[in-house]
Amino acid sequence: MNESSRRETDTTAISQITTERKIPSMCQHQPSCPSASSADRESARLVAAHPEQGWSLLCNGVLLFEDTGELLPDGRIIAPHRPHGTGKVVTAA
């Protein structure tokens, strides 16, 4: 290999690279939807729904699954949280 065919890489900028992803806001409407880190994140607008696959994408980037589990944009997982007593049928008198 001759000198002209050798490739050198400038590694000085590599130390500035972060492993954290920048998550752009998908919410472009007013008032803005709650963020993915807020407690009311499930009230964000629906962007895409695939009930045949069991998931929906909310405007704040949250993937909401039919079992009530969630996948947040930063990779955190929220376990399913169905309300208690869903197995009981209540009828009005």
Protein backbone atom coordinates (compact mmCIF):
# COMPACT_ATOMS: atom_id res chain seq x y z
CA MET A 1 0.00 0.00 0.00
CA ASN A 2 1.47 3.35 -0.95
CA GLU A 3 1.15 6.64 0.94
CA SER A 4 -1.58 8.05 -1.34
CA SER A 5 -3.89 5.07 -0.79
CA ARG A 6 -3.72 5.18 3.01
CA ARG A 7 -6.68 6.71 4.75
CA GLU A 8 -6.25 8.45 8.01
CA THR A 9 -9.11 9.21 10.34
CA ASP A 10 -9.26 12.35 12.40
CA THR A 11 -10.26 11.10 15.85
CA THR A 12 -10.23 14.48 17.59
CA ALA A 13 -13.98 14.98 17.12
CA ILE A 14 -14.94 11.50 18.37
CA SER A 15 -14.72 12.53 22.01
CA GLN A 16 -17.57 14.98 21.35
CA ILE A 17 -19.97 12.24 20.20
CA THR A 18 -22.66 11.27 22.65
CA THR A 19 -24.63 8.03 22.80
CA GLU A 20 -27.79 9.91 23.76
CA ARG A 21 -30.31 10.23 20.95
CA LYS A 22 -31.92 13.57 20.28
CA ILE A 23 -35.64 12.94 20.09
CA PRO A 24 -37.42 15.48 17.93
CA SER A 25 -40.87 16.54 19.00
CA MET A 26 -43.55 15.07 16.75
CA CYS A 27 -46.20 17.33 18.29
CA GLN A 28 -46.78 20.28 15.96
CA HIS A 29 -50.26 21.32 17.16
CA GLN A 30 -51.48 23.67 19.90
CA PRO A 31 -51.91 23.06 22.73
CA SER A 32 -49.00 20.66 22.76
CA CYS A 33 -49.45 17.09 23.88
CA PRO A 34 -47.98 16.04 27.23
CA SER A 35 -44.38 14.90 26.99
CA ALA A 36 -43.42 11.24 27.09
CA SER A 37 -41.98 11.72 30.57
CA SER A 38 -45.14 13.24 32.07
CA ALA A 39 -47.68 11.23 34.06
CA ASP A 40 -50.49 11.95 31.58
CA ARG A 41 -48.46 10.87 28.51
CA GLU A 42 -51.27 8.51 27.37
CA SER A 43 -53.53 11.50 26.63
CA ALA A 44 -51.40 12.56 23.65
CA ARG A 45 -52.99 12.50 20.19
CA LEU A 46 -52.95 9.32 18.18
CA VAL A 47 -50.56 9.42 15.19
CA ALA A 48 -50.78 5.83 13.95
CA ALA A 49 -52.91 2.88 15.01
CA HIS A 50 -52.32 -0.77 14.18
CA PRO A 51 -54.88 -2.70 16.26
CA GLU A 52 -54.21 -5.84 14.22
CA GLN A 53 -50.65 -5.72 15.58
CA GLY A 54 -51.68 -4.49 19.03
CA TRP A 55 -49.96 -1.07 19.14
CA SER A 56 -50.50 2.62 18.58
CA LEU A 57 -48.07 5.52 18.21
CA LEU A 58 -48.88 8.68 20.13
CA CYS A 59 -47.86 12.21 19.16
CA ASN A 60 -45.27 12.39 21.95
CA GLY A 61 -43.42 9.33 20.59
CA VAL A 62 -44.86 6.80 23.03
CA LEU A 63 -45.73 3.36 21.67
CA LEU A 64 -48.85 2.23 23.47
CA PHE A 65 -49.63 -1.50 23.43
CA GLU A 66 -53.08 -3.07 23.77
CA ASP A 67 -52.08 -4.71 27.05
CA THR A 68 -51.53 -1.13 28.38
CA GLY A 69 -47.74 -1.50 28.33
CA GLU A 70 -45.72 1.36 26.87
CA LEU A 71 -42.38 1.92 25.19
CA LEU A 72 -41.08 5.44 25.71
CA PRO A 73 -38.97 7.26 23.08
CA ASP A 74 -35.87 7.04 25.28
CA GLY A 75 -36.16 3.23 25.40
CA ARG A 76 -37.69 2.89 28.86
CA ILE A 77 -40.42 0.29 29.27
CA ILE A 78 -43.61 0.86 31.25
CA ALA A 79 -45.14 -2.43 32.36
CA PRO A 80 -48.82 -3.10 31.62
CA HIS A 81 -51.02 -1.35 34.17
CA ARG A 82 -54.59 -2.52 33.75
CA PRO A 83 -57.05 -1.21 36.31
CA HIS A 84 -57.96 -3.55 39.16
CA GLY A 85 -61.25 -5.40 38.95
CA THR A 86 -61.45 -5.61 35.15
CA GLY A 87 -62.54 -9.25 35.40
CA LYS A 88 -65.82 -8.33 37.13
CA VAL A 89 -68.92 -7.47 35.16
CA VAL A 90 -71.12 -4.87 36.79
CA THR A 91 -74.73 -4.36 35.72
CA ALA A 92 -76.94 -1.45 36.57
CA ALA A 93 -80.07 -2.12 38.63
